[in-house]
Amino acid sequence: MLQHCIGENAGKVWRLLNEKGELTFAQIKKELKGKNEELYMALGWLLRENAIYSRDEEDKTFFGCK
């Protein structure tokens, strides 16, 4: 069940990034109104699958679709 939830959230995160471009974690959370743990797991899934990238700029991390 947890894997299904993570996959579902990963899809939501990927669609958001695909539509809006690069976003920070705070922006993703605000848009999707998700729980921290669920969104971190979704981002980890997408990063592991090489579907998104992350980059650091000053004190922020940005995520975007590849």
C-alpha atoms as a PDB file:
ATOM      1  CA  MET A   1       0.000   0.000   0.000  1.00  0.00           C
ATOM      2  CA  LEU A   2       2.789   2.430   0.881  1.00  0.00           C
ATOM      3  CA  GLN A   3       4.514   1.838  -2.455  1.00  0.00           C
ATOM      4  CA  HIS A   4       1.272   2.671  -4.287  1.00  0.00           C
ATOM      5  CA  CYS A   5       0.920   5.911  -2.289  1.00  0.00           C
ATOM      6  CA  ILE A   6       4.526   6.896  -3.018  1.00  0.00           C
ATOM      7  CA  GLY A   7       4.069   6.170  -6.724  1.00  0.00           C
ATOM      8  CA  GLU A   8       0.861   8.188  -6.838  1.00  0.00           C
ATOM      9  CA  ASN A   9       2.551  11.153  -5.162  1.00  0.00           C
ATOM     10  CA  ALA A  10       5.554  10.799  -7.468  1.00  0.00           C
ATOM     11  CA  GLY A  11       3.187  11.163 -10.414  1.00  0.00           C
ATOM     12  CA  LYS A  12       1.663  14.298  -8.918  1.00  0.00           C
ATOM     13  CA  VAL A  13       5.099  15.803  -8.268  1.00  0.00           C
ATOM     14  CA  TRP A  14       6.327  14.938 -11.776  1.00  0.00           C
ATOM     15  CA  ARG A  15       3.239  16.464 -13.433  1.00  0.00           C
ATOM     16  CA  LEU A  16       3.615  19.629 -11.337  1.00  0.00           C
ATOM     17  CA  LEU A  17       7.296  20.019 -12.231  1.00  0.00           C
ATOM     18  CA  ASN A  18       6.571  19.268 -15.879  1.00  0.00           C
ATOM     19  CA  GLU A  19       3.905  21.978 -15.923  1.00  0.00           C
ATOM     20  CA  LYS A  20       5.557  24.682 -13.792  1.00  0.00           C
ATOM     21  CA  GLY A  21       9.281  24.041 -14.228  1.00  0.00           C
ATOM     22  CA  GLU A  22      11.812  24.193 -11.412  1.00  0.00           C
ATOM     23  CA  LEU A  23      10.397  24.453  -7.905  1.00  0.00           C
ATOM     24  CA  THR A  24      11.730  24.275  -4.361  1.00  0.00           C
ATOM     25  CA  PHE A  25      10.432  21.744  -1.851  1.00  0.00           C
ATOM     26  CA  ALA A  26       8.395  24.479  -0.145  1.00  0.00           C
ATOM     27  CA  GLN A  27       6.763  25.419  -3.459  1.00  0.00           C
ATOM     28  CA  ILE A  28       5.975  21.776  -4.245  1.00  0.00           C
ATOM     29  CA  LYS A  29       4.463  21.302  -0.789  1.00  0.00           C
ATOM     30  CA  LYS A  30       2.350  24.442  -1.125  1.00  0.00           C
ATOM     31  CA  GLU A  31       1.040  23.439  -4.567  1.00  0.00           C
ATOM     32  CA  LEU A  32       0.245  19.824  -3.674  1.00  0.00           C
ATOM     33  CA  LYS A  33      -0.706  20.363  -0.016  1.00  0.00           C
ATOM     34  CA  GLY A  34       1.115  17.151   0.853  1.00  0.00           C
ATOM     35  CA  LYS A  35       2.826  15.865   3.967  1.00  0.00           C
ATOM     36  CA  ASN A  36       6.600  16.291   4.174  1.00  0.00           C
ATOM     37  CA  GLU A  37       7.304  12.557   4.466  1.00  0.00           C
ATOM     38  CA  GLU A  38       5.135  11.663   1.463  1.00  0.00           C
ATOM     39  CA  LEU A  39       6.686  14.344  -0.722  1.00  0.00           C
ATOM     40  CA  TYR A  40      10.250  13.478   0.289  1.00  0.00           C
ATOM     41  CA  MET A  41       9.601   9.828  -0.594  1.00  0.00           C
ATOM     42  CA  ALA A  42       8.088  10.856  -3.939  1.00  0.00           C
ATOM     43  CA  LEU A  43      11.082  13.063  -4.742  1.00  0.00           C
ATOM     44  CA  GLY A  44      13.447  10.262  -3.767  1.00  0.00           C
ATOM     45  CA  TRP A  45      11.579   7.858  -6.053  1.00  0.00           C
ATOM     46  CA  LEU A  46      11.763  10.295  -8.974  1.00  0.00           C
ATOM     47  CA  LEU A  47      15.435  11.072  -8.377  1.00  0.00           C
ATOM     48  CA  ARG A  48      16.271   7.354  -8.194  1.00  0.00           C
ATOM     49  CA  GLU A  49      14.360   6.751 -11.433  1.00  0.00           C
ATOM     50  CA  ASN A  50      16.315   9.621 -13.014  1.00  0.00           C
ATOM     51  CA  ALA A  51      13.027  11.337 -13.943  1.00  0.00           C
ATOM     52  CA  ILE A  52      13.929  14.622 -12.233  1.00  0.00           C
ATOM     53  CA  TYR A  53      17.060  16.486 -11.214  1.00  0.00           C
ATOM     54  CA  SER A  54      17.977  18.598  -8.237  1.00  0.00           C
ATOM     55  CA  ARG A  55      20.317  21.528  -8.074  1.00  0.00           C
ATOM     56  CA  ASP A  56      21.444  23.763  -5.236  1.00  0.00           C
ATOM     57  CA  GLU A  57      21.534  27.512  -5.503  1.00  0.00           C
ATOM     58  CA  GLU A  58      22.671  29.485  -2.479  1.00  0.00           C
ATOM     59  CA  ASP A  59      20.631  27.998   0.385  1.00  0.00           C
ATOM     60  CA  LYS A  60      17.829  26.408  -1.694  1.00  0.00           C
ATOM     61  CA  THR A  61      17.432  23.154  -3.583  1.00  0.00           C
ATOM     62  CA  PHE A  62      15.441  23.232  -6.809  1.00  0.00           C
ATOM     63  CA  PHE A  63      13.818  20.234  -8.491  1.00  0.00           C
ATOM     64  CA  GLY A  64      12.882  19.978 -12.156  1.00  0.00           C
ATOM     65  CA  CYS A  65      11.949  17.446 -14.831  1.00  0.00           C
ATOM     66  CA  LYS A  66      14.634  16.045 -17.092  1.00  0.00           C
END
